Amino acid sequence: MASKLNPYVNVLDGKAREAAEFYQSVLGGDLAISTFGEMGTEGPVAEQVMHAQLETPAGFTLMIADAPPEMVSVTMGDNISISISGDQAEAESLRGWFAALAEGGEVRQPLEPAPWGDEFGMLVDKFGIGWMVNITGE
């Protein structure tokens, strides 16, 4: 198996399951979720997500976890962005993902022609995660 690089997103306020299911609804694919309780943790965090992994038909792997403040320090904001790029053959999918991820979030740069000749947009989704989408120009 070849090495791969993929984002691992920590979500605040016990919303990792909701975030993982949302990303699956946008990107498709198979989602596996393990809770802290399944790994032996008891108490209020037991039902929270220790590890979720989304494998999409496009070949993306996205990992998501809850960030209980007693275990992980996370600052919501611009400390992470996830970039999805593709060519004109993928343009329809990329535009659809951008629109779906923007629902309930904030578009910071509309998906439109960029100075470098590609179509580019940026948004922050409803979970505070930054996304960049780039569609290679013709």
Protein backbone atom coordinates (compact mmCIF):
# COMPACT_ATOMS: atom_id res chain seq x y z
CA MET A 1 0.00 0.00 0.00
CA ALA A 2 1.30 3.45 -0.90
CA SER A 3 1.60 6.17 1.71
CA LYS A 4 -1.17 8.75 1.72
CA LEU A 5 -1.79 12.10 3.30
CA ASN A 6 -5.22 12.98 4.61
CA PRO A 7 -6.76 15.55 6.94
CA TYR A 8 -7.74 14.68 10.50
CA VAL A 9 -10.33 17.12 11.83
CA ASN A 10 -11.08 17.66 15.53
CA VAL A 11 -14.60 18.97 16.11
CA LEU A 12 -15.77 20.89 19.17
CA ASP A 13 -18.90 20.47 21.29
CA GLY A 14 -19.42 16.73 20.73
CA LYS A 15 -20.47 17.23 17.11
CA ALA A 16 -18.01 14.88 15.36
CA ARG A 17 -20.68 12.28 14.51
CA GLU A 18 -22.89 15.00 13.02
CA ALA A 19 -19.91 16.42 11.09
CA ALA A 20 -18.85 12.97 9.80
CA GLU A 21 -22.39 12.17 8.63
CA PHE A 22 -22.64 15.60 6.99
CA TYR A 23 -19.35 15.10 5.10
CA GLN A 24 -20.56 11.65 4.02
CA SER A 25 -23.81 13.20 2.71
CA VAL A 26 -21.74 15.68 0.67
CA LEU A 27 -18.87 13.47 -0.52
CA GLY A 28 -20.46 10.00 -0.43
CA GLY A 29 -18.55 6.92 0.60
CA ASP A 30 -18.20 4.56 3.53
CA LEU A 31 -18.09 5.88 7.08
CA ALA A 32 -16.74 3.95 10.07
CA ILE A 33 -17.15 5.42 13.56
CA SER A 34 -15.62 4.32 16.89
CA THR A 35 -16.57 5.95 20.19
CA PHE A 36 -14.44 6.57 23.25
CA GLY A 37 -16.72 4.13 25.10
CA GLU A 38 -15.92 1.36 22.63
CA MET A 39 -12.27 1.90 23.54
CA GLY A 40 -12.92 1.63 27.28
CA THR A 41 -13.56 5.25 28.30
CA GLU A 42 -16.41 5.76 30.76
CA GLY A 43 -18.37 8.84 31.69
CA PRO A 44 -19.72 11.75 29.67
CA VAL A 45 -17.26 11.31 26.78
CA ALA A 46 -18.04 7.63 26.23
CA GLU A 47 -20.56 8.35 23.44
CA GLN A 48 -18.35 10.87 21.67
CA VAL A 49 -16.38 9.96 18.55
CA MET A 50 -12.82 8.84 19.18
CA HIS A 51 -12.21 8.16 15.50
CA ALA A 52 -14.30 8.39 12.34
CA GLN A 53 -12.97 7.59 8.90
CA LEU A 54 -14.71 8.47 5.65
CA GLU A 55 -13.48 6.76 2.46
CA THR A 56 -15.08 8.39 -0.59
CA PRO A 57 -15.63 7.12 -4.13
CA ALA A 58 -13.32 9.93 -5.35
CA GLY A 59 -10.44 8.44 -3.33
CA PHE A 60 -10.52 10.95 -0.46
CA THR A 61 -9.93 9.86 3.11
CA LEU A 62 -11.21 12.18 5.83
CA MET A 63 -10.78 11.45 9.53
CA ILE A 64 -12.86 13.18 12.20
CA ALA A 65 -12.92 13.08 16.01
CA ASP A 66 -14.54 14.86 18.91
CA ALA A 67 -12.23 17.13 20.87
CA PRO A 68 -13.23 16.85 24.54
CA PRO A 69 -11.53 19.85 26.21
CA GLU A 70 -10.02 17.62 28.90
CA MET A 71 -8.24 15.60 26.18
CA VAL A 72 -7.56 17.92 23.23
CA SER A 73 -6.98 21.65 22.90
CA VAL A 74 -8.59 23.03 19.74
CA THR A 75 -9.10 26.62 18.66
CA MET A 76 -11.99 26.99 16.26
CA GLY A 77 -11.18 29.13 13.28
CA ASP A 78 -8.64 29.31 10.54
CA ASN A 79 -6.15 26.75 11.87
CA ILE A 80 -7.05 24.14 9.20
CA SER A 81 -8.24 24.14 5.63
CA ILE A 82 -9.05 21.16 3.47
CA SER A 83 -8.37 21.51 -0.24
CA ILE A 84 -10.15 19.58 -2.97
CA SER A 85 -8.85 20.03 -6.51
CA GLY A 86 -9.70 18.52 -9.86
CA ASP A 87 -9.85 19.11 -13.57
CA GLN A 88 -12.75 19.90 -15.90
CA ALA A 89 -13.86 16.25 -15.91
CA GLU A 90 -14.60 16.62 -12.18
CA ALA A 91 -16.01 20.17 -12.36
CA GLU A 92 -19.65 19.20 -11.78
CA SER A 93 -18.78 17.15 -8.69
CA LEU A 94 -16.50 19.88 -7.33
CA ARG A 95 -19.18 22.56 -7.78
CA GLY A 96 -21.75 20.33 -6.08
CA TRP A 97 -19.44 19.63 -3.12
CA PHE A 98 -18.71 23.34 -2.75
CA ALA A 99 -22.43 24.20 -2.70
CA ALA A 100 -23.28 21.42 -0.23
CA LEU A 101 -20.40 22.24 2.13
CA ALA A 102 -21.44 25.90 2.11
CA GLU A 103 -24.94 25.11 3.42
CA GLY A 104 -25.18 26.55 6.94
CA GLY A 105 -21.62 27.88 6.66
CA GLU A 106 -19.96 30.98 5.25
CA VAL A 107 -18.66 31.42 1.71
CA ARG A 108 -15.49 33.52 2.00
CA GLN A 109 -14.61 33.45 -1.70
CA PRO A 110 -17.30 32.41 -4.19
CA LEU A 111 -16.36 29.60 -6.58
CA GLU A 112 -15.50 31.70 -9.63
CA PRO A 113 -12.71 32.32 -12.14
CA ALA A 114 -9.42 33.10 -10.39
CA PRO A 115 -6.48 35.22 -11.62
CA TRP A 116 -4.40 32.07 -12.30
CA GLY A 117 -6.98 30.75 -14.77
CA ASP A 118 -8.71 28.17 -12.60
CA GLU A 119 -12.07 28.32 -10.86
CA PHE A 120 -11.51 28.72 -7.10
CA GLY A 121 -13.57 29.23 -3.97
CA MET A 122 -13.21 29.16 -0.19
CA LEU A 123 -15.73 28.57 2.56
CA VAL A 124 -16.02 27.73 6.23
CA ASP A 125 -18.58 24.99 6.84
CA LYS A 126 -21.10 24.91 9.67
CA PHE A 127 -18.56 23.10 11.86
CA GLY A 128 -15.90 25.84 11.50
CA ILE A 129 -13.72 23.90 9.05
CA GLY A 130 -12.19 25.80 6.12
CA TRP A 131 -12.49 24.31 2.62
CA MET A 132 -10.84 25.37 -0.64
CA VAL A 133 -12.06 24.08 -3.99
CA ASN A 134 -10.02 24.50 -7.19
CA ILE A 135 -11.13 23.46 -10.68
CA THR A 136 -8.30 23.50 -13.22
CA GLY A 137 -8.95 25.86 -16.12
CA GLU A 138 -9.33 24.59 -19.67
